Amino acid sequence: MQKIPIDFGSTRVLYLTLANNKFTGPIPRSIANASSTLIEVLFLNNWLTGCIPYEIGFLRKATVFDVGGNYLTGQLPCSLGCLDKIEQLNFARNYLYGAIPEVVCSMPNLLNLSLSNNYFNHIGPLCWKLVKSGVLDVRMNCIFGLPNQRPYYECVRFYFHSFWFNWVCPWQYLMSAIPCKINSSYISHPPSARTASVAYPALNRHRL
């Protein structure tokens, strides 16, 4: 087991694949230093912990970001809404909670957003449109009124523990910050969703 190097963001690569290993610890905030190069980031199926860093929102060239199957917690940072080239975004099978920010559902090229098997408890009208179109997967969460959610007692137990143990991200003040200009007209009138694809070509190629 090892942690992702804290300065790994200085690595000038296009495709970063660290999937299916036993990396532990948080995603380093230095990931913002790779904003001019990174196109695909695959951290799925590791043992990563901590909160999702606000700096992910600076990866303006990224088309794929996958951290499914880890132990990440906290809320989704609104900075994700700045990923205007992102197509595949996967946070499934973690311990994320709270409301799903509407700005995250406003990304113009989004084909697949998987938030299943977490503990989100609120969804807004824009995200709801993505659920109905099949782009957004929110199964096995704690969203009242939606089908295929966690049992009530699981949600109560999780939120009781999160309150009791004060699970707050160290940069909580940045979670609502948006380091880019968001097209408000798009948020009000999103275009029709395209057909989603869950196949990642990066899994079939040798990448760092």
C-alpha atoms as a PDB file:
ATOM      1  CA  MET A   1       0.000   0.000   0.000  1.00  0.00           C
ATOM      2  CA  GLN A   2       1.216   3.491  -0.795  1.00  0.00           C
ATOM      3  CA  LYS A   3      -0.076   7.028  -1.099  1.00  0.00           C
ATOM      4  CA  ILE A   4      -0.223   9.033  -4.279  1.00  0.00           C
ATOM      5  CA  PRO A   5       2.811  11.379  -4.167  1.00  0.00           C
ATOM      6  CA  ILE A   6       1.794  14.800  -2.936  1.00  0.00           C
ATOM      7  CA  ASP A   7       3.506  16.492  -5.893  1.00  0.00           C
ATOM      8  CA  PHE A   8       2.205  14.144  -8.575  1.00  0.00           C
ATOM      9  CA  GLY A   9       0.439  17.043 -10.278  1.00  0.00           C
ATOM     10  CA  SER A  10       3.779  18.170 -11.683  1.00  0.00           C
ATOM     11  CA  THR A  11       3.782  15.058 -13.899  1.00  0.00           C
ATOM     12  CA  ARG A  12       3.096  16.228 -17.452  1.00  0.00           C
ATOM     13  CA  VAL A  13       1.008  13.354 -18.772  1.00  0.00           C
ATOM     14  CA  LEU A  14      -2.167  13.180 -20.814  1.00  0.00           C
ATOM     15  CA  TYR A  15      -3.554   9.971 -19.332  1.00  0.00           C
ATOM     16  CA  LEU A  16      -3.123   9.074 -15.674  1.00  0.00           C
ATOM     17  CA  THR A  17      -4.171   5.515 -14.821  1.00  0.00           C
ATOM     18  CA  LEU A  18      -3.755   4.348 -11.230  1.00  0.00           C
ATOM     19  CA  ALA A  19      -6.827   2.114 -11.218  1.00  0.00           C
ATOM     20  CA  ASN A  20      -7.229  -1.212  -9.418  1.00  0.00           C
ATOM     21  CA  ASN A  21      -4.351  -0.812  -6.984  1.00  0.00           C
ATOM     22  CA  LYS A  22      -4.157  -0.187  -3.237  1.00  0.00           C
ATOM     23  CA  PHE A  23      -3.365   3.504  -3.140  1.00  0.00           C
ATOM     24  CA  THR A  24      -4.396   5.090   0.148  1.00  0.00           C
ATOM     25  CA  GLY A  25      -4.757   8.611   1.491  1.00  0.00           C
ATOM     26  CA  PRO A  26      -6.309  11.646  -0.192  1.00  0.00           C
ATOM     27  CA  ILE A  27      -6.190  12.874  -3.767  1.00  0.00           C
ATOM     28  CA  PRO A  28      -3.385  15.464  -3.654  1.00  0.00           C
ATOM     29  CA  ARG A  29      -4.480  19.033  -4.264  1.00  0.00           C
ATOM     30  CA  SER A  30      -1.467  19.433  -6.529  1.00  0.00           C
ATOM     31  CA  ILE A  31      -3.605  17.828  -9.227  1.00  0.00           C
ATOM     32  CA  ALA A  32      -4.379  21.401 -10.324  1.00  0.00           C
ATOM     33  CA  ASN A  33      -0.784  21.686 -11.584  1.00  0.00           C
ATOM     34  CA  ALA A  34      -1.656  19.228 -14.365  1.00  0.00           C
ATOM     35  CA  SER A  35      -4.529  21.339 -15.648  1.00  0.00           C
ATOM     36  CA  SER A  36      -2.815  22.067 -18.958  1.00  0.00           C
ATOM     37  CA  THR A  37      -2.257  18.407 -19.872  1.00  0.00           C
ATOM     38  CA  LEU A  38      -4.522  15.865 -18.149  1.00  0.00           C
ATOM     39  CA  ILE A  39      -7.250  14.415 -20.341  1.00  0.00           C
ATOM     40  CA  GLU A  40      -8.166  11.225 -18.473  1.00  0.00           C
ATOM     41  CA  VAL A  41      -7.761  10.400 -14.778  1.00  0.00           C
ATOM     42  CA  LEU A  42      -8.529   6.895 -13.504  1.00  0.00           C
ATOM     43  CA  PHE A  43      -8.291   6.350  -9.734  1.00  0.00           C
ATOM     44  CA  LEU A  44     -11.091   3.771  -9.505  1.00  0.00           C
ATOM     45  CA  ASN A  45     -10.961   0.777  -7.178  1.00  0.00           C
ATOM     46  CA  ASN A  46      -8.335   1.960  -4.715  1.00  0.00           C
ATOM     47  CA  TRP A  47      -8.477   2.800  -1.001  1.00  0.00           C
ATOM     48  CA  LEU A  48      -8.432   6.576  -1.327  1.00  0.00           C
ATOM     49  CA  THR A  49      -9.857   8.571   1.571  1.00  0.00           C
ATOM     50  CA  GLY A  50     -10.594  12.194   2.428  1.00  0.00           C
ATOM     51  CA  CYS A  51     -12.600  14.757   0.504  1.00  0.00           C
ATOM     52  CA  ILE A  52     -12.676  15.540  -3.197  1.00  0.00           C
ATOM     53  CA  PRO A  53     -10.273  18.447  -3.694  1.00  0.00           C
ATOM     54  CA  TYR A  54     -11.645  21.716  -5.014  1.00  0.00           C
ATOM     55  CA  GLU A  55      -8.695  21.835  -7.417  1.00  0.00           C
ATOM     56  CA  ILE A  56     -10.215  19.159  -9.660  1.00  0.00           C
ATOM     57  CA  GLY A  57     -12.270  21.980 -11.135  1.00  0.00           C
ATOM     58  CA  PHE A  58      -9.112  23.322 -12.798  1.00  0.00           C
ATOM     59  CA  LEU A  59      -8.735  20.273 -15.069  1.00  0.00           C
ATOM     60  CA  ARG A  60     -10.333  22.095 -17.976  1.00  0.00           C
ATOM     61  CA  LYS A  61      -9.035  19.628 -20.597  1.00  0.00           C
ATOM     62  CA  ALA A  62     -10.236  16.495 -18.798  1.00  0.00           C
ATOM     63  CA  THR A  63     -12.808  14.314 -20.543  1.00  0.00           C
ATOM     64  CA  VAL A  64     -12.771  11.395 -18.055  1.00  0.00           C
ATOM     65  CA  PHE A  65     -12.423  11.498 -14.273  1.00  0.00           C
ATOM     66  CA  ASP A  66     -13.112   8.259 -12.409  1.00  0.00           C
ATOM     67  CA  VAL A  67     -12.665   7.739  -8.651  1.00  0.00           C
ATOM     68  CA  GLY A  68     -15.344   5.079  -8.227  1.00  0.00           C
ATOM     69  CA  GLY A  69     -14.890   2.369  -5.629  1.00  0.00           C
ATOM     70  CA  ASN A  70     -12.904   4.244  -2.971  1.00  0.00           C
ATOM     71  CA  TYR A  71     -13.555   5.630   0.521  1.00  0.00           C
ATOM     72  CA  LEU A  72     -13.938   9.297  -0.338  1.00  0.00           C
ATOM     73  CA  THR A  73     -16.306  11.358   1.777  1.00  0.00           C
ATOM     74  CA  GLY A  74     -17.663  14.889   2.039  1.00  0.00           C
ATOM     75  CA  GLN A  75     -19.648  16.899  -0.484  1.00  0.00           C
ATOM     76  CA  LEU A  76     -19.168  17.407  -4.207  1.00  0.00           C
ATOM     77  CA  PRO A  77     -17.292  20.667  -4.828  1.00  0.00           C
ATOM     78  CA  CYS A  78     -19.120  23.128  -7.070  1.00  0.00           C
ATOM     79  CA  SER A  79     -15.844  23.641  -8.949  1.00  0.00           C
ATOM     80  CA  LEU A  80     -16.690  20.457 -10.878  1.00  0.00           C
ATOM     81  CA  GLY A  81     -19.067  22.595 -12.906  1.00  0.00           C
ATOM     82  CA  CYS A  82     -16.007  24.144 -14.582  1.00  0.00           C
ATOM     83  CA  LEU A  83     -15.139  20.874 -16.324  1.00  0.00           C
ATOM     84  CA  ASP A  84     -16.683  21.961 -19.600  1.00  0.00           C
ATOM     85  CA  LYS A  85     -15.029  19.157 -21.609  1.00  0.00           C
ATOM     86  CA  ILE A  86     -15.829  16.316 -19.226  1.00  0.00           C
ATOM     87  CA  GLU A  87     -17.800  13.425 -20.676  1.00  0.00           C
ATOM     88  CA  GLN A  88     -17.434  10.660 -18.075  1.00  0.00           C
ATOM     89  CA  LEU A  89     -17.510  11.480 -14.358  1.00  0.00           C
ATOM     90  CA  ASN A  90     -17.673   8.641 -11.844  1.00  0.00           C
ATOM     91  CA  PHE A  91     -17.908   8.987  -8.050  1.00  0.00           C
ATOM     92  CA  ALA A  92     -19.897   5.792  -7.469  1.00  0.00           C
ATOM     93  CA  ARG A  93     -19.308   3.543  -4.455  1.00  0.00           C
ATOM     94  CA  ASN A  94     -17.879   6.087  -2.036  1.00  0.00           C
ATOM     95  CA  TYR A  95     -19.171   7.852   1.093  1.00  0.00           C
ATOM     96  CA  LEU A  96     -20.167  11.188  -0.404  1.00  0.00           C
ATOM     97  CA  TYR A  97     -23.178  12.996   1.015  1.00  0.00           C
ATOM     98  CA  GLY A  98     -25.263  16.161   1.063  1.00  0.00           C
ATOM     99  CA  ALA A  99     -26.971  17.836  -1.873  1.00  0.00           C
ATOM    100  CA  ILE A 100     -25.862  17.277  -5.457  1.00  0.00           C
ATOM    101  CA  PRO A 101     -24.884  20.772  -6.692  1.00  0.00           C
ATOM    102  CA  GLU A 102     -26.960  21.883  -9.647  1.00  0.00           C
ATOM    103  CA  VAL A 103     -23.863  23.386 -11.254  1.00  0.00           C
ATOM    104  CA  VAL A 104     -22.351  19.893 -11.476  1.00  0.00           C
ATOM    105  CA  CYS A 105     -25.278  18.875 -13.675  1.00  0.00           C
ATOM    106  CA  SER A 106     -24.700  21.831 -16.021  1.00  0.00           C
ATOM    107  CA  MET A 107     -21.536  20.514 -17.699  1.00  0.00           C
ATOM    108  CA  PRO A 108     -22.256  20.845 -21.438  1.00  0.00           C
ATOM    109  CA  ASN A 109     -20.530  17.681 -22.728  1.00  0.00           C
ATOM    110  CA  LEU A 110     -21.534  15.306 -19.953  1.00  0.00           C
ATOM    111  CA  LEU A 111     -22.461  11.827 -21.156  1.00  0.00           C
ATOM    112  CA  ASN A 112     -22.360   9.856 -17.910  1.00  0.00           C
ATOM    113  CA  LEU A 113     -22.374  11.010 -14.284  1.00  0.00           C
ATOM    114  CA  SER A 114     -22.406   8.148 -11.795  1.00  0.00           C
ATOM    115  CA  LEU A 115     -23.119   8.992  -8.153  1.00  0.00           C
ATOM    116  CA  SER A 116     -24.630   5.645  -7.196  1.00  0.00           C
ATOM    117  CA  ASN A 117     -23.925   3.949  -3.886  1.00  0.00           C
ATOM    118  CA  ASN A 118     -23.238   7.086  -1.878  1.00  0.00           C
ATOM    119  CA  TYR A 119     -25.340   9.029   0.646  1.00  0.00           C
ATOM    120  CA  PHE A 120     -26.585  12.066  -1.266  1.00  0.00           C
ATOM    121  CA  ASN A 121     -29.877  13.354   0.121  1.00  0.00           C
ATOM    122  CA  HIS A 122     -31.076  16.082  -2.249  1.00  0.00           C
ATOM    123  CA  ILE A 123     -31.370  16.604  -5.992  1.00  0.00           C
ATOM    124  CA  GLY A 124     -32.432  19.744  -7.872  1.00  0.00           C
ATOM    125  CA  PRO A 125     -34.462  20.157 -11.078  1.00  0.00           C
ATOM    126  CA  LEU A 126     -31.495  20.248 -13.466  1.00  0.00           C
ATOM    127  CA  CYS A 127     -29.968  17.079 -12.032  1.00  0.00           C
ATOM    128  CA  TRP A 128     -33.397  15.469 -12.063  1.00  0.00           C
ATOM    129  CA  LYS A 129     -33.555  16.014 -15.829  1.00  0.00           C
ATOM    130  CA  LEU A 130     -30.288  14.116 -16.169  1.00  0.00           C
ATOM    131  CA  VAL A 131     -31.713  11.269 -14.087  1.00  0.00           C
ATOM    132  CA  LYS A 132     -34.704  10.982 -16.409  1.00  0.00           C
ATOM    133  CA  SER A 133     -32.489  11.082 -19.497  1.00  0.00           C
ATOM    134  CA  GLY A 134     -30.222   8.337 -18.145  1.00  0.00           C
ATOM    135  CA  VAL A 135     -27.102  10.506 -17.865  1.00  0.00           C
ATOM    136  CA  LEU A 136     -27.109  10.701 -14.054  1.00  0.00           C
ATOM    137  CA  ASP A 137     -27.186   7.552 -11.914  1.00  0.00           C
ATOM    138  CA  VAL A 138     -28.210   8.171  -8.295  1.00  0.00           C
ATOM    139  CA  ARG A 139     -29.272   4.678  -7.287  1.00  0.00           C
ATOM    140  CA  MET A 140     -28.571   3.585  -3.704  1.00  0.00           C
ATOM    141  CA  ASN A 141     -28.438   7.023  -2.114  1.00  0.00           C
ATOM    142  CA  CYS A 142     -30.707   8.728   0.419  1.00  0.00           C
ATOM    143  CA  ILE A 143     -32.855  10.873  -1.881  1.00  0.00           C
ATOM    144  CA  PHE A 144     -36.414  10.806  -0.608  1.00  0.00           C
ATOM    145  CA  GLY A 145     -39.043  10.026  -3.230  1.00  0.00           C
ATOM    146  CA  LEU A 146     -36.750   8.340  -5.739  1.00  0.00           C
ATOM    147  CA  PRO A 147     -36.777   4.582  -6.370  1.00  0.00           C
ATOM    148  CA  ASN A 148     -33.859   2.248  -5.679  1.00  0.00           C
ATOM    149  CA  GLN A 149     -32.540   4.184  -2.688  1.00  0.00           C
ATOM    150  CA  ARG A 150     -30.895   2.971   0.509  1.00  0.00           C
ATOM    151  CA  PRO A 151     -33.107   1.814   3.379  1.00  0.00           C
ATOM    152  CA  TYR A 152     -34.125   4.651   5.679  1.00  0.00           C
ATOM    153  CA  TYR A 153     -32.234   3.242   8.661  1.00  0.00           C
ATOM    154  CA  GLU A 154     -28.951   3.159   6.699  1.00  0.00           C
ATOM    155  CA  CYS A 155     -29.282   6.833   5.848  1.00  0.00           C
ATOM    156  CA  VAL A 156     -30.168   7.830   9.402  1.00  0.00           C
ATOM    157  CA  ARG A 157     -27.230   5.873  10.782  1.00  0.00           C
ATOM    158  CA  PHE A 158     -24.800   7.406   8.294  1.00  0.00           C
ATOM    159  CA  TYR A 159     -25.887  11.003   8.914  1.00  0.00           C
ATOM    160  CA  PHE A 160     -25.915  10.446  12.667  1.00  0.00           C
ATOM    161  CA  HIS A 161     -22.296   9.305  12.536  1.00  0.00           C
ATOM    162  CA  SER A 162     -21.274  12.098  10.166  1.00  0.00           C
ATOM    163  CA  PHE A 163     -22.742  14.653  12.586  1.00  0.00           C
ATOM    164  CA  TRP A 164     -21.389  12.989  15.715  1.00  0.00           C
ATOM    165  CA  PHE A 165     -17.846  12.635  14.373  1.00  0.00           C
ATOM    166  CA  ASN A 166     -17.951  16.017  12.586  1.00  0.00           C
ATOM    167  CA  TRP A 167     -17.013  14.771   9.118  1.00  0.00           C
ATOM    168  CA  VAL A 168     -16.160  18.146   7.601  1.00  0.00           C
ATOM    169  CA  CYS A 169     -13.611  18.688   4.856  1.00  0.00           C
ATOM    170  CA  PRO A 170     -10.587  20.773   5.861  1.00  0.00           C
ATOM    171  CA  TRP A 171     -11.301  23.113   2.909  1.00  0.00           C
ATOM    172  CA  GLN A 172     -15.073  23.196   3.423  1.00  0.00           C
ATOM    173  CA  TYR A 173     -15.108  26.925   2.662  1.00  0.00           C
ATOM    174  CA  LEU A 174     -14.100  26.119  -0.937  1.00  0.00           C
ATOM    175  CA  MET A 175     -16.857  23.616  -1.624  1.00  0.00           C
ATOM    176  CA  SER A 176     -19.236  26.291  -2.916  1.00  0.00           C
ATOM    177  CA  ALA A 177     -16.579  28.251  -4.848  1.00  0.00           C
ATOM    178  CA  ILE A 178     -16.719  28.233  -8.662  1.00  0.00           C
ATOM    179  CA  PRO A 179     -13.378  29.271 -10.237  1.00  0.00           C
ATOM    180  CA  CYS A 180     -14.825  29.926 -13.693  1.00  0.00           C
ATOM    181  CA  LYS A 181     -17.703  31.622 -15.448  1.00  0.00           C
ATOM    182  CA  ILE A 182     -20.767  29.393 -15.672  1.00  0.00           C
ATOM    183  CA  ASN A 183     -23.240  29.867 -18.510  1.00  0.00           C
ATOM    184  CA  SER A 184     -26.406  30.726 -16.591  1.00  0.00           C
ATOM    185  CA  SER A 185     -28.570  30.370 -19.701  1.00  0.00           C
ATOM    186  CA  TYR A 186     -27.368  26.798 -20.073  1.00  0.00           C
ATOM    187  CA  ILE A 187     -28.304  26.050 -16.468  1.00  0.00           C
ATOM    188  CA  SER A 188     -31.813  27.327 -17.133  1.00  0.00           C
ATOM    189  CA  HIS A 189     -32.197  25.619 -20.508  1.00  0.00           C
ATOM    190  CA  PRO A 190     -29.823  22.656 -20.859  1.00  0.00           C
ATOM    191  CA  PRO A 191     -29.531  21.005 -24.271  1.00  0.00           C
ATOM    192  CA  SER A 192     -30.857  17.528 -24.894  1.00  0.00           C
ATOM    193  CA  ALA A 193     -28.703  14.835 -23.329  1.00  0.00           C
ATOM    194  CA  ARG A 194     -26.758  12.545 -25.607  1.00  0.00           C
ATOM    195  CA  THR A 195     -26.548   8.778 -25.354  1.00  0.00           C
ATOM    196  CA  ALA A 196     -24.212   7.761 -22.546  1.00  0.00           C
ATOM    197  CA  SER A 197     -21.356   5.318 -22.923  1.00  0.00           C
ATOM    198  CA  VAL A 198     -19.735   3.646 -19.942  1.00  0.00           C
ATOM    199  CA  ALA A 199     -16.746   2.177 -21.780  1.00  0.00           C
ATOM    200  CA  TYR A 200     -13.401   3.771 -20.971  1.00  0.00           C
ATOM    201  CA  PRO A 201     -10.785   3.283 -23.719  1.00  0.00           C
ATOM    202  CA  ALA A 202      -8.126   4.207 -21.170  1.00  0.00           C
ATOM    203  CA  LEU A 203      -8.599   0.866 -19.422  1.00  0.00           C
ATOM    204  CA  ASN A 204      -7.390  -0.915 -22.538  1.00  0.00           C
ATOM    205  CA  ARG A 205      -4.267   1.165 -23.125  1.00  0.00           C
ATOM    206  CA  HIS A 206      -0.998   1.414 -21.243  1.00  0.00           C
ATOM    207  CA  ARG A 207      -0.990   4.745 -19.500  1.00  0.00           C
ATOM    208  CA  LEU A 208       0.771   6.313 -16.526  1.00  0.00           C
END
